Amino acid sequence: MIYMYVLNGACEIVKILLSRGAHVDSFSSRGATPLHYSAFCQQDGVMKILLDHHADVNMLLKPVFTPLILALNAGSLKCVELLVKAGADVKGVGTATPLITAANNGLTDFYKCLLEAGADPNVPDEFGHLPIELAAYNNRRKDVEILLPSVDGVIRYVKSMPSVENDPMCKMKPADMKLEASNAYERKDYFTAIKLYTMLTDFWPNDATLFAHRSLCWLKVGKGDSALLDAQACRLMEPDWSKACYVEGAAQMLLKDFEKACDAFFDGLKMDSGSDEIAEALR
């Protein structure tokens, strides 16, 4: 019950529920806590109440979604500041670090808060790119200035790299990127498709279809953790989309967590009882 009021930012009702025994770290059917939902929905007022009631600031929504990562993806500086002040881990999980998330999303105003809290700017993403490289790729000079003082040398270095400056994909229009990503998937060039879908999230960070397509690509190359990460992001963005349930179930199957896979497929069938794809996966 508390999740509904967290999503709507109903601070007074949340206070009442907590005062009457509602568990501040209760789990939803998707494994998310009220703090996860407050972060994803940019509800900083509710978040402060949850933190005042000692919500677990580092609770992990597998594989890598902490409340801090969700707040960054949502673009809420207030939520990020509240979480960091409450002791959120700024190191992240694996390559899914808060600084990488901020760099991917162009969150210039967020760097100072993360760096002062001890975030490491030398941890690369899954493709080996540092936060400063991601900033330079996208011509975000101010970001580079914050991440490293010697700006011009770094930008010259990054821009001289063949994989970036001379890569024709970097010069494509978003609509062409989408088409090429689809073509790459059809010809089973999954890593190219992954790269293109990743680039497209810079233009449309809240487009659930991009995360669903990239999740399918990760499945094809056997990367279950990455597939699950994208699938769960997709479900958070579009909780009533059966396709999001399907990709989450498929990722859980690859990770051999069959109970959670069944749960995801059942959720999908509730939304789309006529889906042969989901029904076959469940069988």
Protein backbone atom coordinates (compact mmCIF):
# COMPACT_ATOMS: atom_id res chain seq x y z
CA MET A 1 0.00 0.00 0.00
CA ILE A 2 2.79 2.43 0.85
CA TYR A 3 4.16 2.33 -2.72
CA MET A 4 1.10 4.07 -4.15
CA TYR A 5 1.60 7.05 -1.85
CA VAL A 6 5.36 7.14 -2.44
CA LEU A 7 4.77 7.32 -6.19
CA ASN A 8 2.28 10.17 -5.73
CA GLY A 9 4.47 12.10 -3.30
CA ALA A 10 1.86 11.93 -0.54
CA CYS A 11 4.21 12.83 2.30
CA GLU A 12 1.66 13.08 5.10
CA ILE A 13 0.10 9.72 4.29
CA VAL A 14 3.52 8.09 4.12
CA LYS A 15 4.30 9.54 7.54
CA ILE A 16 1.09 8.11 8.96
CA LEU A 17 1.67 4.67 7.47
CA LEU A 18 5.21 4.53 8.85
CA SER A 19 4.04 5.69 12.27
CA ARG A 20 1.50 2.86 12.27
CA GLY A 21 4.02 0.15 11.53
CA ALA A 22 4.49 0.09 7.77
CA HIS A 23 7.93 -1.38 7.03
CA VAL A 24 10.16 1.29 5.53
CA ASP A 25 12.18 -1.31 3.58
CA SER A 26 9.29 -3.50 2.43
CA PHE A 27 9.76 -5.13 -0.98
CA SER A 28 7.43 -4.83 -3.92
CA SER A 29 6.85 -7.81 -6.22
CA ARG A 30 9.78 -6.54 -8.30
CA GLY A 31 12.18 -6.42 -5.36
CA ALA A 32 12.12 -2.62 -5.04
CA THR A 33 11.74 -0.72 -1.78
CA PRO A 34 9.84 2.54 -1.22
CA LEU A 35 13.20 4.33 -1.38
CA HIS A 36 13.82 2.93 -4.88
CA TYR A 37 10.45 4.24 -6.03
CA SER A 38 10.97 7.66 -4.45
CA ALA A 39 14.30 7.94 -6.28
CA PHE A 40 12.94 6.81 -9.63
CA CYS A 41 9.95 9.16 -9.41
CA GLN A 42 12.00 12.15 -8.13
CA GLN A 43 9.94 12.35 -4.93
CA ASP A 44 12.55 14.06 -2.72
CA GLY A 45 9.96 15.02 -0.09
CA VAL A 46 8.92 11.42 0.44
CA MET A 47 12.56 10.33 0.22
CA LYS A 48 13.50 12.55 3.15
CA ILE A 49 10.74 11.00 5.24
CA LEU A 50 11.91 7.48 4.36
CA LEU A 51 15.51 8.35 5.19
CA ASP A 52 14.43 9.92 8.48
CA HIS A 53 12.85 6.55 9.25
CA HIS A 54 16.21 4.84 8.52
CA ALA A 55 15.45 3.37 5.11
CA ASP A 56 18.35 1.30 3.78
CA VAL A 57 20.10 3.78 1.49
CA ASN A 58 22.14 1.08 -0.26
CA MET A 59 19.47 -1.56 -0.80
CA LEU A 60 20.21 -3.26 -4.10
CA LEU A 61 17.56 -3.87 -6.72
CA LYS A 62 19.47 -6.52 -8.63
CA PRO A 63 21.66 -6.48 -10.49
CA VAL A 64 22.91 -2.91 -9.95
CA PHE A 65 20.05 -0.54 -9.15
CA THR A 66 20.67 1.24 -5.88
CA PRO A 67 18.47 4.22 -4.97
CA LEU A 68 21.40 6.47 -5.94
CA ILE A 69 21.64 5.02 -9.46
CA LEU A 70 17.89 5.39 -9.91
CA ALA A 71 17.98 9.00 -8.70
CA LEU A 72 20.73 9.75 -11.20
CA ASN A 73 18.80 8.12 -14.03
CA ALA A 74 15.79 10.20 -13.03
CA GLY A 75 17.91 13.39 -13.02
CA SER A 76 16.98 14.49 -9.50
CA LEU A 77 19.81 16.42 -7.87
CA LYS A 78 17.82 16.87 -4.66
CA CYS A 79 17.37 13.11 -4.33
CA VAL A 80 21.04 12.47 -5.08
CA GLU A 81 22.11 14.98 -2.42
CA LEU A 82 19.76 13.45 0.14
CA LEU A 83 21.07 9.95 -0.57
CA VAL A 84 24.73 10.96 -0.48
CA LYS A 85 24.19 12.82 2.79
CA ALA A 86 22.53 9.69 4.20
CA GLY A 87 25.58 7.58 3.34
CA ALA A 88 24.83 6.20 -0.13
CA ASP A 89 27.71 4.19 -1.61
CA VAL A 90 29.12 6.31 -4.45
CA LYS A 91 31.27 3.44 -5.75
CA GLY A 92 28.36 1.62 -7.37
CA VAL A 93 28.27 -2.02 -8.41
CA GLY A 94 30.81 -3.21 -10.97
CA THR A 95 30.88 -0.88 -13.98
CA ALA A 96 27.54 0.70 -13.09
CA THR A 97 29.02 3.56 -11.10
CA PRO A 98 27.26 6.81 -10.22
CA LEU A 99 29.87 8.84 -12.12
CA ILE A 100 29.41 6.74 -15.26
CA THR A 101 25.66 7.22 -14.97
CA ALA A 102 26.10 10.97 -14.53
CA ALA A 103 28.47 11.15 -17.50
CA ASN A 104 26.15 9.15 -19.75
CA ASN A 105 23.23 11.39 -18.85
CA GLY A 106 25.14 14.68 -19.07
CA LEU A 107 24.48 15.55 -15.41
CA THR A 108 27.05 18.32 -15.06
CA ASP A 109 25.64 19.67 -11.80
CA PHE A 110 25.85 16.25 -10.15
CA TYR A 111 29.62 15.68 -10.39
CA LYS A 112 30.64 17.87 -7.48
CA CYS A 113 28.34 16.08 -5.05
CA LEU A 114 29.59 12.66 -6.15
CA LEU A 115 33.28 13.56 -6.25
CA GLU A 116 33.19 15.20 -2.82
CA ALA A 117 31.61 12.02 -1.47
CA GLY A 118 34.52 9.97 -2.81
CA ALA A 119 33.34 8.74 -6.21
CA ASP A 120 36.26 7.35 -8.24
CA PRO A 121 36.57 8.98 -11.71
CA ASN A 122 38.98 6.23 -12.85
CA VAL A 123 36.47 3.37 -12.99
CA PRO A 124 35.46 2.65 -16.62
CA ASP A 125 32.09 1.54 -17.98
CA GLU A 126 31.40 -1.85 -19.59
CA PHE A 127 33.06 -0.68 -22.82
CA GLY A 128 36.20 0.57 -21.06
CA HIS A 129 35.32 4.28 -21.23
CA LEU A 130 36.08 6.58 -18.30
CA PRO A 131 33.58 9.27 -17.25
CA ILE A 132 35.86 11.96 -18.65
CA GLU A 133 35.98 10.17 -22.02
CA LEU A 134 32.20 9.99 -22.16
CA ALA A 135 32.04 13.71 -21.42
CA ALA A 136 34.61 14.50 -24.11
CA TYR A 137 32.87 12.28 -26.69
CA ASN A 138 29.79 14.44 -26.27
CA ASN A 139 31.67 17.77 -26.34
CA ARG A 140 30.74 18.59 -22.75
CA ARG A 141 33.66 20.87 -21.99
CA LYS A 142 32.37 21.93 -18.58
CA ASP A 143 32.05 18.28 -17.56
CA VAL A 144 35.63 17.64 -18.58
CA GLU A 145 36.79 20.69 -16.63
CA ILE A 146 35.20 19.29 -13.51
CA LEU A 147 36.51 15.77 -14.00
CA LEU A 148 40.09 16.77 -14.87
CA PRO A 149 41.84 20.17 -14.94
CA SER A 150 43.98 19.64 -18.08
CA VAL A 151 41.06 20.02 -20.44
CA ASP A 152 42.52 20.66 -23.88
CA GLY A 153 44.98 17.76 -23.80
CA VAL A 154 42.31 15.29 -22.77
CA ILE A 155 39.85 16.44 -25.41
CA ARG A 156 42.55 16.30 -28.12
CA TYR A 157 43.46 12.78 -27.01
CA VAL A 158 39.91 11.49 -26.97
CA LYS A 159 38.99 13.14 -30.24
CA SER A 160 42.05 11.63 -31.92
CA MET A 161 40.97 8.08 -31.08
CA PRO A 162 39.87 6.25 -34.25
CA SER A 163 37.09 4.45 -32.40
CA VAL A 164 35.44 7.77 -31.63
CA GLU A 165 36.32 10.60 -34.00
CA ASN A 166 36.45 8.48 -37.16
CA ASP A 167 33.61 6.16 -36.27
CA PRO A 168 30.81 6.89 -38.76
CA MET A 169 28.22 5.80 -36.18
CA CYS A 170 29.06 8.87 -34.10
CA LYS A 171 28.03 11.10 -37.01
CA MET A 172 24.69 9.41 -37.68
CA LYS A 173 21.34 11.03 -36.99
CA PRO A 174 19.29 9.35 -34.24
CA ALA A 175 16.70 8.02 -36.70
CA ASP A 176 19.47 6.46 -38.77
CA MET A 177 21.03 5.00 -35.64
CA LYS A 178 17.74 3.28 -34.81
CA LEU A 179 17.51 1.78 -38.27
CA GLU A 180 21.14 0.65 -38.24
CA ALA A 181 20.74 -0.86 -34.75
CA SER A 182 17.77 -2.88 -36.01
CA ASN A 183 19.74 -3.96 -39.08
CA ALA A 184 22.72 -4.95 -36.93
CA TYR A 185 20.45 -7.10 -34.77
CA GLU A 186 18.95 -8.79 -37.83
CA ARG A 187 22.40 -9.68 -39.16
CA LYS A 188 23.38 -10.93 -35.67
CA ASP A 189 25.97 -8.19 -35.15
CA TYR A 190 24.83 -7.81 -31.57
CA PHE A 191 27.75 -5.79 -30.22
CA THR A 192 27.25 -3.12 -32.88
CA ALA A 193 23.55 -3.06 -32.01
CA ILE A 194 24.41 -2.69 -28.31
CA LYS A 195 26.73 0.22 -29.07
CA LEU A 196 24.08 1.96 -31.15
CA TYR A 197 21.32 1.48 -28.58
CA THR A 198 23.68 2.83 -25.92
CA MET A 199 24.34 5.92 -28.04
CA LEU A 200 20.61 6.36 -28.57
CA THR A 201 19.98 6.48 -24.82
CA ASP A 202 21.88 9.78 -24.81
CA PHE A 203 19.07 11.20 -26.95
CA TRP A 204 16.19 9.36 -25.28
CA PRO A 205 17.23 8.25 -21.76
CA ASN A 206 13.63 7.36 -20.83
CA ASP A 207 12.76 5.35 -23.95
CA ALA A 208 11.93 1.89 -22.60
CA THR A 209 12.06 0.33 -26.07
CA LEU A 210 15.76 1.09 -26.37
CA PHE A 211 16.47 -0.73 -23.12
CA ALA A 212 14.28 -3.65 -24.20
CA HIS A 213 16.12 -3.98 -27.52
CA ARG A 214 19.51 -3.72 -25.84
CA SER A 215 18.44 -6.32 -23.28
CA LEU A 216 17.66 -8.72 -26.12
CA CYS A 217 21.11 -8.07 -27.59
CA TRP A 218 22.77 -8.81 -24.24
CA LEU A 219 20.80 -12.06 -24.12
CA LYS A 220 22.10 -13.05 -27.54
CA VAL A 221 25.72 -12.63 -26.42
CA GLY A 222 25.15 -14.43 -23.13
CA LYS A 223 25.46 -11.44 -20.80
CA GLY A 224 22.69 -12.20 -18.34
CA ASP A 225 23.54 -9.53 -15.77
CA SER A 226 23.54 -6.76 -18.37
CA ALA A 227 20.35 -8.11 -19.93
CA LEU A 228 18.64 -8.11 -16.55
CA LEU A 229 19.82 -4.58 -15.79
CA ASP A 230 18.25 -3.25 -18.98
CA ALA A 231 15.11 -5.33 -18.51
CA GLN A 232 14.54 -4.01 -15.01
CA ALA A 233 15.12 -0.45 -16.18
CA CYS A 234 12.56 -1.11 -18.88
CA ARG A 235 9.99 -2.36 -16.36
CA LEU A 236 10.52 0.63 -14.13
CA MET A 237 9.87 2.94 -17.08
CA GLU A 238 6.91 0.97 -18.45
CA PRO A 239 5.48 -1.19 -15.63
CA ASP A 240 2.43 -2.19 -17.71
CA TRP A 241 4.32 -3.29 -20.83
CA SER A 242 4.30 -7.06 -21.39
CA LYS A 243 7.48 -6.91 -23.48
CA ALA A 244 9.37 -5.58 -20.46
CA CYS A 245 8.18 -8.61 -18.48
CA TYR A 246 9.31 -10.92 -21.27
CA VAL A 247 12.87 -9.59 -21.44
CA GLU A 248 13.17 -9.69 -17.65
CA GLY A 249 11.99 -13.29 -17.61
CA ALA A 250 14.38 -14.22 -20.40
CA ALA A 251 17.27 -12.62 -18.53
CA GLN A 252 16.36 -14.47 -15.33
CA MET A 253 16.28 -17.73 -17.29
CA LEU A 254 19.77 -17.08 -18.63
CA LEU A 255 20.89 -16.47 -15.04
CA LYS A 256 19.11 -19.71 -14.04
CA ASP A 257 16.82 -17.99 -11.56
CA PHE A 258 13.79 -19.85 -12.83
CA GLU A 259 11.43 -18.84 -10.04
CA LYS A 260 11.89 -15.14 -10.82
CA ALA A 261 11.69 -15.92 -14.53
CA CYS A 262 8.27 -17.53 -13.98
CA ASP A 263 7.10 -14.53 -11.96
CA ALA A 264 8.09 -12.16 -14.76
CA PHE A 265 6.42 -14.27 -17.45
CA PHE A 266 3.24 -14.59 -15.37
CA ASP A 267 3.18 -10.80 -14.98
CA GLY A 268 3.53 -10.48 -18.74
CA LEU A 269 0.65 -12.89 -19.43
CA LYS A 270 -1.59 -10.92 -17.09
CA MET A 271 -0.96 -7.87 -19.26
CA ASP A 272 -1.15 -9.68 -22.59
CA SER A 273 -2.91 -13.04 -22.31
CA GLY A 274 -2.67 -13.56 -26.06
CA SER A 275 1.13 -13.41 -26.27
CA ASP A 276 2.38 -16.69 -27.75
CA GLU A 277 5.97 -15.54 -27.14
CA ILE A 278 5.49 -15.18 -23.38
CA ALA A 279 3.36 -18.31 -23.10
CA GLU A 280 5.99 -20.38 -24.90
CA ALA A 281 8.76 -18.96 -22.70
CA LEU A 282 6.76 -19.85 -19.59
CA ARG A 283 6.21 -23.41 -20.82
